[in-house]
PDB file of N, CA and C in Angstrom:
ATOM      1  N   MET A   1     -16.486   7.803  -1.132  1.00  0.00           N
ATOM      2  CA  MET A   1     -17.975   7.931  -1.025  1.00  0.00           C
ATOM      3  C   MET A   1     -18.241   8.990   0.128  1.00  0.00           C
ATOM      4  N   SER A   2     -19.229   9.799  -0.237  1.00  0.00           N
ATOM      5  CA  SER A   2     -19.668  10.709   0.749  1.00  0.00           C
ATOM      6  C   SER A   2     -21.058  10.296   1.341  1.00  0.00           C
ATOM      7  N   TRP A   3     -21.407  10.864   2.530  1.00  0.00           N
ATOM      8  CA  TRP A   3     -22.626  10.429   3.173  1.00  0.00           C
ATOM      9  C   TRP A   3     -23.046  11.597   4.095  1.00  0.00           C
ATOM     10  N   PHE A   4     -24.282  11.509   4.512  1.00  0.00           N
ATOM     11  CA  PHE A   4     -24.716  12.363   5.488  1.00  0.00           C
ATOM     12  C   PHE A   4     -25.884  11.870   6.273  1.00  0.00           C
ATOM     13  N   LEU A   5     -26.215  12.290   7.485  1.00  0.00           N
ATOM     14  CA  LEU A   5     -27.349  11.878   8.124  1.00  0.00           C
ATOM     15  C   LEU A   5     -28.405  12.934   8.281  1.00  0.00           C
ATOM     16  N   ALA A   6     -29.706  12.671   8.289  1.00  0.00           N
ATOM     17  CA  ALA A   6     -30.762  13.535   8.338  1.00  0.00           C
ATOM     18  C   ALA A   6     -31.650  12.885   9.466  1.00  0.00           C
ATOM     19  N   PRO A   7     -32.144  13.836  10.390  1.00  0.00           N
ATOM     20  CA  PRO A   7     -33.141  13.228  11.321  1.00  0.00           C
ATOM     21  C   PRO A   7     -34.546  13.039  10.715  1.00  0.00           C
ATOM     22  N   GLN A   8     -35.177  11.967  11.240  1.00  0.00           N
ATOM     23  CA  GLN A   8     -36.488  11.541  10.756  1.00  0.00           C
ATOM     24  C   GLN A   8     -37.444  12.512  11.418  1.00  0.00           C
ATOM     25  N   GLU A   9     -38.578  12.777  10.731  1.00  0.00           N
ATOM     26  CA  GLU A   9     -39.650  13.660  11.221  1.00  0.00           C
ATOM     27  C   GLU A   9     -40.396  12.980  12.407  1.00  0.00           C
ATOM     28  N   ALA A  10     -40.807  11.705  12.234  1.00  0.00           N
ATOM     29  CA  ALA A  10     -41.496  11.023  13.295  1.00  0.00           C
ATOM     30  C   ALA A  10     -40.506  10.184  14.225  1.00  0.00           C
ATOM     31  N   ALA A  11     -40.615  10.377  15.464  1.00  0.00           N
ATOM     32  CA  ALA A  11     -39.696   9.423  16.360  1.00  0.00           C
ATOM     33  C   ALA A  11     -40.175   7.997  16.339  1.00  0.00           C
ATOM     34  N   GLY A  12     -39.169   7.248  16.519  1.00  0.00           N
ATOM     35  CA  GLY A  12     -39.428   5.692  16.572  1.00  0.00           C
ATOM     36  C   GLY A  12     -39.568   5.082  15.201  1.00  0.00           C
ATOM     37  N   GLU A  13     -39.368   5.877  14.140  1.00  0.00           N
ATOM     38  CA  GLU A  13     -39.357   5.167  12.702  1.00  0.00           C
ATOM     39  C   GLU A  13     -38.075   4.353  12.689  1.00  0.00           C
ATOM     40  N   SER A  14     -38.167   3.239  11.738  1.00  0.00           N
ATOM     41  CA  SER A  14     -37.001   2.465  11.464  1.00  0.00           C
ATOM     42  C   SER A  14     -36.003   3.247  10.649  1.00  0.00           C
ATOM     43  N   PRO A  15     -34.710   2.908  10.709  1.00  0.00           N
ATOM     44  CA  PRO A  15     -33.741   3.632   9.855  1.00  0.00           C
ATOM     45  C   PRO A  15     -33.967   3.390   8.396  1.00  0.00           C
ATOM     46  N   ARG A  16     -33.711   4.380   7.627  1.00  0.00           N
ATOM     47  CA  ARG A  16     -33.844   4.251   6.139  1.00  0.00           C
ATOM     48  C   ARG A  16     -32.388   4.702   5.530  1.00  0.00           C
ATOM     49  N   VAL A  17     -32.244   4.188   4.295  1.00  0.00           N
ATOM     50  CA  VAL A  17     -31.072   4.469   3.555  1.00  0.00           C
ATOM     51  C   VAL A  17     -31.456   5.007   2.174  1.00  0.00           C
ATOM     52  N   GLY A  18     -30.795   6.030   1.673  1.00  0.00           N
ATOM     53  CA  GLY A  18     -31.001   6.603   0.288  1.00  0.00           C
ATOM     54  C   GLY A  18     -29.723   6.407  -0.505  1.00  0.00           C
ATOM     55  N   LEU A  19     -29.913   6.144  -1.680  1.00  0.00           N
ATOM     56  CA  LEU A  19     -28.658   6.114  -2.603  1.00  0.00           C
ATOM     57  C   LEU A  19     -28.888   7.038  -3.719  1.00  0.00           C
ATOM     58  N   THR A  20     -27.820   7.770  -3.995  1.00  0.00           N
ATOM     59  CA  THR A  20     -27.861   8.731  -5.188  1.00  0.00           C
ATOM     60  C   THR A  20     -27.035   8.042  -6.210  1.00  0.00           C
ATOM     61  N   ALA A  21     -27.483   8.121  -7.529  1.00  0.00           N
ATOM     62  CA  ALA A  21     -26.715   7.656  -8.634  1.00  0.00           C
ATOM     63  C   ALA A  21     -27.023   8.547  -9.788  1.00  0.00           C
ATOM     64  N   GLY A  22     -26.438   9.723  -9.915  1.00  0.00           N
ATOM     65  CA  GLY A  22     -26.598  10.614 -10.996  1.00  0.00           C
ATOM     66  C   GLY A  22     -25.898  10.156 -12.290  1.00  0.00           C
ATOM     67  N   LYS A  23     -26.191  10.863 -13.392  1.00  0.00           N
ATOM     68  CA  LYS A  23     -25.671  10.546 -14.645  1.00  0.00           C
ATOM     69  C   LYS A  23     -24.200  10.590 -14.795  1.00  0.00           C
ATOM     70  N   VAL A  24     -23.634  11.342 -13.848  1.00  0.00           N
ATOM     71  CA  VAL A  24     -22.153  11.535 -13.886  1.00  0.00           C
ATOM     72  C   VAL A  24     -21.509  10.133 -13.539  1.00  0.00           C
ATOM     73  N   LEU A  25     -22.201   9.206 -12.856  1.00  0.00           N
ATOM     74  CA  LEU A  25     -21.572   7.961 -12.601  1.00  0.00           C
ATOM     75  C   LEU A  25     -21.548   7.023 -13.799  1.00  0.00           C
ATOM     76  N   GLY A  26     -22.188   7.317 -14.920  1.00  0.00           N
ATOM     77  CA  GLY A  26     -22.156   6.455 -16.078  1.00  0.00           C
ATOM     78  C   GLY A  26     -23.530   6.397 -16.724  1.00  0.00           C
ATOM     79  N   ASN A  27     -23.629   5.381 -17.624  1.00  0.00           N
ATOM     80  CA  ASN A  27     -24.988   5.123 -18.302  1.00  0.00           C
ATOM     81  C   ASN A  27     -25.792   4.325 -17.312  1.00  0.00           C
ATOM     82  N   ALA A  28     -27.134   4.037 -17.748  1.00  0.00           N
ATOM     83  CA  ALA A  28     -27.964   3.354 -16.803  1.00  0.00           C
ATOM     84  C   ALA A  28     -27.609   2.057 -16.395  1.00  0.00           C
ATOM     85  N   HIS A  29     -26.902   1.275 -17.197  1.00  0.00           N
ATOM     86  CA  HIS A  29     -26.435  -0.026 -16.787  1.00  0.00           C
ATOM     87  C   HIS A  29     -25.351   0.130 -15.718  1.00  0.00           C
ATOM     88  N   GLU A  30     -24.532   1.041 -15.834  1.00  0.00           N
ATOM     89  CA  GLU A  30     -23.483   1.283 -14.891  1.00  0.00           C
ATOM     90  C   GLU A  30     -24.069   1.763 -13.378  1.00  0.00           C
ATOM     91  N   ARG A  31     -24.994   2.723 -13.635  1.00  0.00           N
ATOM     92  CA  ARG A  31     -25.630   3.213 -12.453  1.00  0.00           C
ATOM     93  C   ARG A  31     -26.459   2.065 -11.600  1.00  0.00           C
ATOM     94  N   ASN A  32     -27.029   1.285 -12.390  1.00  0.00           N
ATOM     95  CA  ASN A  32     -27.845   0.140 -11.832  1.00  0.00           C
ATOM     96  C   ASN A  32     -26.970  -0.832 -11.117  1.00  0.00           C
ATOM     97  N   ARG A  33     -25.830  -1.123 -11.672  1.00  0.00           N
ATOM     98  CA  ARG A  33     -24.757  -1.999 -11.075  1.00  0.00           C
ATOM     99  C   ARG A  33     -24.218  -1.285  -9.807  1.00  0.00           C
ATOM    100  N   ILE A  34     -23.935  -0.014  -9.816  1.00  0.00           N
ATOM    101  CA  ILE A  34     -23.496   0.648  -8.640  1.00  0.00           C
ATOM    102  C   ILE A  34     -24.664   0.414  -7.489  1.00  0.00           C
ATOM    103  N   LYS A  35     -25.827   0.730  -7.857  1.00  0.00           N
ATOM    104  CA  LYS A  35     -26.785   0.574  -6.890  1.00  0.00           C
ATOM    105  C   LYS A  35     -26.901  -0.838  -6.280  1.00  0.00           C
ATOM    106  N   ARG A  36     -26.844  -1.880  -7.228  1.00  0.00           N
ATOM    107  CA  ARG A  36     -27.035  -3.246  -6.797  1.00  0.00           C
ATOM    108  C   ARG A  36     -25.843  -3.631  -5.820  1.00  0.00           C
ATOM    109  N   ARG A  37     -24.690  -3.217  -6.063  1.00  0.00           N
ATOM    110  CA  ARG A  37     -23.610  -3.480  -5.255  1.00  0.00           C
ATOM    111  C   ARG A  37     -23.698  -2.856  -3.881  1.00  0.00           C
ATOM    112  N   MET A  38     -24.108  -1.570  -3.945  1.00  0.00           N
ATOM    113  CA  MET A  38     -24.302  -0.783  -2.626  1.00  0.00           C
ATOM    114  C   MET A  38     -25.428  -1.477  -1.862  1.00  0.00           C
ATOM    115  N   LYS A  39     -26.550  -1.862  -2.449  1.00  0.00           N
ATOM    116  CA  LYS A  39     -27.610  -2.394  -1.714  1.00  0.00           C
ATOM    117  C   LYS A  39     -27.235  -3.727  -1.075  1.00  0.00           C
ATOM    118  N   GLU A  40     -26.471  -4.574  -1.819  1.00  0.00           N
ATOM    119  CA  GLU A  40     -25.986  -5.815  -1.196  1.00  0.00           C
ATOM    120  C   GLU A  40     -25.103  -5.618  -0.045  1.00  0.00           C
ATOM    121  N   ALA A  41     -24.181  -4.670  -0.103  1.00  0.00           N
ATOM    122  CA  ALA A  41     -23.194  -4.357   0.955  1.00  0.00           C
ATOM    123  C   ALA A  41     -23.963  -3.812   2.169  1.00  0.00           C
ATOM    124  N   LEU A  42     -25.008  -3.060   1.948  1.00  0.00           N
ATOM    125  CA  LEU A  42     -25.849  -2.501   3.085  1.00  0.00           C
ATOM    126  C   LEU A  42     -26.749  -3.598   3.670  1.00  0.00           C
ATOM    127  N   ARG A  43     -27.311  -4.529   2.717  1.00  0.00           N
ATOM    128  CA  ARG A  43     -28.114  -5.490   3.302  1.00  0.00           C
ATOM    129  C   ARG A  43     -27.423  -6.414   4.250  1.00  0.00           C
ATOM    130  N   ARG A  44     -26.120  -6.619   4.127  1.00  0.00           N
ATOM    131  CA  ARG A  44     -25.326  -7.539   4.994  1.00  0.00           C
ATOM    132  C   ARG A  44     -25.260  -6.864   6.364  1.00  0.00           C
ATOM    133  N   HIS A  45     -25.478  -5.597   6.529  1.00  0.00           N
ATOM    134  CA  HIS A  45     -25.137  -4.795   7.821  1.00  0.00           C
ATOM    135  C   HIS A  45     -26.245  -3.893   8.197  1.00  0.00           C
ATOM    136  N   THR A  46     -27.438  -4.397   7.809  1.00  0.00           N
ATOM    137  CA  THR A  46     -28.579  -3.607   8.325  1.00  0.00           C
ATOM    138  C   THR A  46     -28.677  -3.406   9.774  1.00  0.00           C
ATOM    139  N   ASP A  47     -28.215  -4.222  10.568  1.00  0.00           N
ATOM    140  CA  ASP A  47     -28.142  -4.163  12.135  1.00  0.00           C
ATOM    141  C   ASP A  47     -27.404  -2.948  12.546  1.00  0.00           C
ATOM    142  N   MET A  48     -26.527  -2.550  11.732  1.00  0.00           N
ATOM    143  CA  MET A  48     -25.601  -1.397  12.103  1.00  0.00           C
ATOM    144  C   MET A  48     -26.231  -0.067  11.810  1.00  0.00           C
ATOM    145  N   LEU A  49     -27.429   0.069  11.211  1.00  0.00           N
ATOM    146  CA  LEU A  49     -28.005   1.374  10.776  1.00  0.00           C
ATOM    147  C   LEU A  49     -28.438   2.129  12.115  1.00  0.00           C
ATOM    148  N   PRO A  50     -28.016   3.290  12.129  1.00  0.00           N
ATOM    149  CA  PRO A  50     -28.376   4.122  13.322  1.00  0.00           C
ATOM    150  C   PRO A  50     -29.966   4.426  13.231  1.00  0.00           C
ATOM    151  N   THR A  51     -30.638   4.369  14.391  1.00  0.00           N
ATOM    152  CA  THR A  51     -32.137   4.620  14.414  1.00  0.00           C
ATOM    153  C   THR A  51     -32.356   6.005  14.527  1.00  0.00           C
ATOM    154  N   GLY A  52     -33.567   6.388  14.034  1.00  0.00           N
ATOM    155  CA  GLY A  52     -34.059   7.745  14.224  1.00  0.00           C
ATOM    156  C   GLY A  52     -33.582   8.687  13.181  1.00  0.00           C
ATOM    157  N   CYS A  53     -32.980   8.201  12.158  1.00  0.00           N
ATOM    158  CA  CYS A  53     -32.312   9.017  11.066  1.00  0.00           C
ATOM    159  C   CYS A  53     -32.335   8.365   9.832  1.00  0.00           C
ATOM    160  N   ASP A  54     -32.195   9.212   8.698  1.00  0.00           N
ATOM    161  CA  ASP A  54     -31.973   8.663   7.398  1.00  0.00           C
ATOM    162  C   ASP A  54     -30.471   8.822   6.978  1.00  0.00           C
ATOM    163  N   LEU A  55     -29.931   7.760   6.392  1.00  0.00           N
ATOM    164  CA  LEU A  55     -28.527   7.845   5.946  1.00  0.00           C
ATOM    165  C   LEU A  55     -28.590   7.963   4.455  1.00  0.00           C
ATOM    166  N   ILE A  56     -27.934   8.997   3.914  1.00  0.00           N
ATOM    167  CA  ILE A  56     -27.901   9.135   2.385  1.00  0.00           C
ATOM    168  C   ILE A  56     -26.447   8.988   1.996  1.00  0.00           C
ATOM    169  N   LEU A  57     -26.294   8.075   0.981  1.00  0.00           N
ATOM    170  CA  LEU A  57     -24.947   7.753   0.428  1.00  0.00           C
ATOM    171  C   LEU A  57     -24.838   8.295  -0.988  1.00  0.00           C
ATOM    172  N   HIS A  58     -23.700   8.796  -1.304  1.00  0.00           N
ATOM    173  CA  HIS A  58     -23.429   9.297  -2.562  1.00  0.00           C
ATOM    174  C   HIS A  58     -22.186   8.478  -3.086  1.00  0.00           C
ATOM    175  N   PRO A  59     -22.317   7.409  -3.749  1.00  0.00           N
ATOM    176  CA  PRO A  59     -21.197   6.665  -4.246  1.00  0.00           C
ATOM    177  C   PRO A  59     -20.464   7.345  -5.325  1.00  0.00           C
ATOM    178  N   ARG A  60     -19.276   6.800  -5.400  1.00  0.00           N
ATOM    179  CA  ARG A  60     -18.343   7.304  -6.615  1.00  0.00           C
ATOM    180  C   ARG A  60     -18.349   6.212  -7.585  1.00  0.00           C
ATOM    181  N   ARG A  61     -17.782   6.560  -8.741  1.00  0.00           N
ATOM    182  CA  ARG A  61     -17.721   5.615  -9.968  1.00  0.00           C
ATOM    183  C   ARG A  61     -16.868   4.395  -9.594  1.00  0.00           C
ATOM    184  N   THR A  62     -15.957   4.522  -8.658  1.00  0.00           N
ATOM    185  CA  THR A  62     -15.031   3.396  -8.379  1.00  0.00           C
ATOM    186  C   THR A  62     -15.775   2.274  -7.785  1.00  0.00           C
ATOM    187  N   VAL A  63     -17.106   2.461  -7.265  1.00  0.00           N
ATOM    188  CA  VAL A  63     -17.781   1.281  -6.719  1.00  0.00           C
ATOM    189  C   VAL A  63     -17.970   0.337  -7.781  1.00  0.00           C
ATOM    190  N   LEU A  64     -17.985   0.726  -9.135  1.00  0.00           N
ATOM    191  CA  LEU A  64     -18.033  -0.399 -10.194  1.00  0.00           C
ATOM    192  C   LEU A  64     -16.886  -1.442 -10.221  1.00  0.00           C
ATOM    193  N   THR A  65     -15.663  -0.924  -9.901  1.00  0.00           N
ATOM    194  CA  THR A  65     -14.563  -1.807 -10.007  1.00  0.00           C
ATOM    195  C   THR A  65     -13.830  -2.194  -8.751  1.00  0.00           C
ATOM    196  N   ILE A  66     -14.161  -1.669  -7.711  1.00  0.00           N
ATOM    197  CA  ILE A  66     -13.544  -2.002  -6.318  1.00  0.00           C
ATOM    198  C   ILE A  66     -13.897  -3.420  -6.055  1.00  0.00           C
ATOM    199  N   GLU A  67     -13.011  -4.174  -5.398  1.00  0.00           N
ATOM    200  CA  GLU A  67     -13.348  -5.439  -4.826  1.00  0.00           C
ATOM    201  C   GLU A  67     -14.570  -5.333  -3.820  1.00  0.00           C
ATOM    202  N   PHE A  68     -15.441  -6.408  -3.854  1.00  0.00           N
ATOM    203  CA  PHE A  68     -16.614  -6.240  -3.118  1.00  0.00           C
ATOM    204  C   PHE A  68     -16.152  -6.135  -1.606  1.00  0.00           C
ATOM    205  N   ALA A  69     -15.201  -6.998  -1.182  1.00  0.00           N
ATOM    206  CA  ALA A  69     -14.705  -6.924   0.221  1.00  0.00           C
ATOM    207  C   ALA A  69     -14.400  -5.469   0.673  1.00  0.00           C
ATOM    208  N   LYS A  70     -13.694  -4.755  -0.293  1.00  0.00           N
ATOM    209  CA  LYS A  70     -13.201  -3.444   0.117  1.00  0.00           C
ATOM    210  C   LYS A  70     -14.362  -2.443   0.194  1.00  0.00           C
ATOM    211  N   LEU A  71     -15.423  -2.639  -0.756  1.00  0.00           N
ATOM    212  CA  LEU A  71     -16.644  -1.881  -0.738  1.00  0.00           C
ATOM    213  C   LEU A  71     -17.481  -2.194   0.513  1.00  0.00           C
ATOM    214  N   GLU A  72     -17.516  -3.400   0.932  1.00  0.00           N
ATOM    215  CA  GLU A  72     -18.242  -3.800   2.238  1.00  0.00           C
ATOM    216  C   GLU A  72     -17.510  -3.184   3.393  1.00  0.00           C
ATOM    217  N   ALA A  73     -16.210  -3.262   3.366  1.00  0.00           N
ATOM    218  CA  ALA A  73     -15.464  -2.541   4.514  1.00  0.00           C
ATOM    219  C   ALA A  73     -15.815  -1.082   4.602  1.00  0.00           C
ATOM    220  N   GLU A  74     -15.753  -0.447   3.376  1.00  0.00           N
ATOM    221  CA  GLU A  74     -16.084   1.049   3.429  1.00  0.00           C
ATOM    222  C   GLU A  74     -17.573   1.276   3.837  1.00  0.00           C
ATOM    223  N   VAL A  75     -18.428   0.526   3.586  1.00  0.00           N
ATOM    224  CA  VAL A  75     -19.861   0.663   4.064  1.00  0.00           C
ATOM    225  C   VAL A  75     -19.869   0.544   5.598  1.00  0.00           C
ATOM    226  N   VAL A  76     -19.221  -0.524   6.079  1.00  0.00           N
ATOM    227  CA  VAL A  76     -19.167  -0.739   7.486  1.00  0.00           C
ATOM    228  C   VAL A  76     -18.578   0.388   8.245  1.00  0.00           C
ATOM    229  N   ARG A  77     -17.477   0.977   7.627  1.00  0.00           N
ATOM    230  CA  ARG A  77     -16.728   2.144   8.226  1.00  0.00           C
ATOM    231  C   ARG A  77     -17.848   3.252   8.345  1.00  0.00           C
ATOM    232  N   ILE A  78     -18.493   3.636   7.200  1.00  0.00           N
ATOM    233  CA  ILE A  78     -19.534   4.657   7.277  1.00  0.00           C
ATOM    234  C   ILE A  78     -20.595   4.355   8.144  1.00  0.00           C
ATOM    235  N   LEU A  79     -21.067   3.230   8.275  1.00  0.00           N
ATOM    236  CA  LEU A  79     -22.206   2.844   9.181  1.00  0.00           C
ATOM    237  C   LEU A  79     -21.694   3.142  10.745  1.00  0.00           C
ATOM    238  N   GLN A  80     -20.414   2.750  11.015  1.00  0.00           N
ATOM    239  CA  GLN A  80     -19.957   3.029  12.341  1.00  0.00           C
ATOM    240  C   GLN A  80     -19.744   4.421  12.603  1.00  0.00           C
ATOM    241  N   GLN A  81     -19.334   5.237  11.660  1.00  0.00           N
ATOM    242  CA  GLN A  81     -19.197   6.723  11.828  1.00  0.00           C
ATOM    243  C   GLN A  81     -20.579   7.281  12.039  1.00  0.00           C
ATOM    244  N   ALA A  82     -21.565   6.834  11.230  1.00  0.00           N
ATOM    245  CA  ALA A  82     -22.884   7.309  11.351  1.00  0.00           C
ATOM    246  C   ALA A  82     -23.488   7.061  12.717  1.00  0.00           C
ATOM    247  N   SER A  83     -23.351   5.898  13.206  1.00  0.00           N
ATOM    248  CA  SER A  83     -23.805   5.456  14.501  1.00  0.00           C
ATOM    249  C   SER A  83     -23.198   6.411  15.613  1.00  0.00           C
ATOM    250  N   ALA A  84     -21.866   6.524  15.465  1.00  0.00           N
ATOM    251  CA  ALA A  84     -21.161   7.386  16.502  1.00  0.00           C
ATOM    252  C   ALA A  84     -21.712   8.751  16.415  1.00  0.00           C
ATOM    253  N   GLU A  85     -21.900   9.393  15.262  1.00  0.00           N
ATOM    254  CA  GLU A  85     -22.530  10.710  15.099  1.00  0.00           C
ATOM    255  C   GLU A  85     -23.943  10.873  15.770  1.00  0.00           C
ATOM    256  N   ARG A  86     -24.642   9.812  15.399  1.00  0.00           N
ATOM    257  CA  ARG A  86     -26.063   9.772  16.080  1.00  0.00           C
ATOM    258  C   ARG A  86     -25.955   9.688  17.552  1.00  0.00           C
ATOM    259  N   LYS A  87     -25.048   8.832  18.141  1.00  0.00           N
ATOM    260  CA  LYS A  87     -24.949   8.745  19.609  1.00  0.00           C
ATOM    261  C   LYS A  87     -24.450   9.960  20.124  1.00  0.00           C
ATOM    262  N   ARG A  88     -23.489  10.618  19.486  1.00  0.00           N
ATOM    263  CA  ARG A  88     -22.911  11.865  19.925  1.00  0.00           C
ATOM    264  C   ARG A  88     -23.967  13.019  20.067  1.00  0.00           C
ATOM    265  N   GLY A  89     -25.118  12.835  19.294  1.00  0.00           N
ATOM    266  CA  GLY A  89     -26.117  13.909  19.282  1.00  0.00           C
ATOM    267  C   GLY A  89     -25.759  15.003  18.322  1.00  0.00           C
ATOM    268  N   ALA A  90     -25.055  14.741  17.294  1.00  0.00           N
ATOM    269  CA  ALA A  90     -24.644  15.771  16.357  1.00  0.00           C
ATOM    270  C   ALA A  90     -25.803  16.098  15.528  1.00  0.00           C
ATOM    271  N   LEU A  91     -26.838  15.275  15.463  1.00  0.00           N
ATOM    272  CA  LEU A  91     -28.051  15.809  14.631  1.00  0.00           C
ATOM    273  C   LEU A  91     -28.962  16.643  15.479  1.00  0.00           C
ATOM    274  N   HIS A  92     -29.445  17.689  14.782  1.00  0.00           N
ATOM    275  CA  HIS A  92     -30.380  18.546  15.471  1.00  0.00           C
ATOM    276  C   HIS A  92     -31.781  17.979  15.320  1.00  0.00           C
ATOM    277  N   GLU A  93     -32.668  18.322  16.312  1.00  0.00           N
ATOM    278  CA  GLU A  93     -33.945  17.749  16.212  1.00  0.00           C
ATOM    279  C   GLU A  93     -34.629  18.568  15.146  1.00  0.00           C
ATOM    280  N   PRO A  94     -35.715  18.030  14.445  1.00  0.00           N
ATOM    281  CA  PRO A  94     -36.323  18.755  13.400  1.00  0.00           C
ATOM    282  C   PRO A  94     -36.954  20.029  13.643  1.00  0.00           C
ATOM    283  N   ASN A  95     -37.418  20.206  14.806  1.00  0.00           N
ATOM    284  CA  ASN A  95     -38.128  21.411  15.223  1.00  0.00           C
ATOM    285  C   ASN A  95     -37.139  22.437  15.969  1.00  0.00           C
ATOM    286  N   SER A  96     -35.972  22.195  15.969  1.00  0.00           N
ATOM    287  CA  SER A  96     -34.978  23.032  16.649  1.00  0.00           C
ATOM    288  C   SER A  96     -34.678  24.265  15.704  1.00  0.00           C
ATOM    289  N   LYS A  97     -34.213  25.376  16.347  1.00  0.00           N
ATOM    290  CA  LYS A  97     -33.852  26.525  15.527  1.00  0.00           C
ATOM    291  C   LYS A  97     -32.760  26.233  14.607  1.00  0.00           C
ATOM    292  N   HIS A  98     -31.908  25.272  14.823  1.00  0.00           N
ATOM    293  CA  HIS A  98     -30.734  25.102  14.057  1.00  0.00           C
ATOM    294  C   HIS A  98     -30.914  24.041  12.923  1.00  0.00           C
ATOM    295  N   ALA A  99     -32.067  23.525  12.763  1.00  0.00           N
ATOM    296  CA  ALA A  99     -32.313  22.548  11.741  1.00  0.00           C
ATOM    297  C   ALA A  99     -32.525  23.337  10.418  1.00  0.00           C
ATOM    298  N   LEU A 100     -32.122  22.708   9.275  1.00  0.00           N
ATOM    299  CA  LEU A 100     -32.131  23.296   8.023  1.00  0.00           C
ATOM    300  C   LEU A 100     -33.562  23.019   7.389  1.00  0.00           C
TER     301      LEU A 100
END
């Protein structure tokens, strides 16, 4: 699963999560199942979301068949990495010259 962080425009906003589920992941039924499983894994660990940024997740088709405990462990790993990246200051401020 790939992910990236984007700084939020307004300071002090609560963290947000975006999920992508394109047609390459399967038909509508499979995409909805992927999103439901991802949302549940994220719901259990909302306290780990990094503040001041948006976390965008790009799941793979394997989310359909992986054991939920493994999926949850992967989500926790991503949240830990995202928090560490946020604390390290790897994100550029929205008004800086380096922002995209």
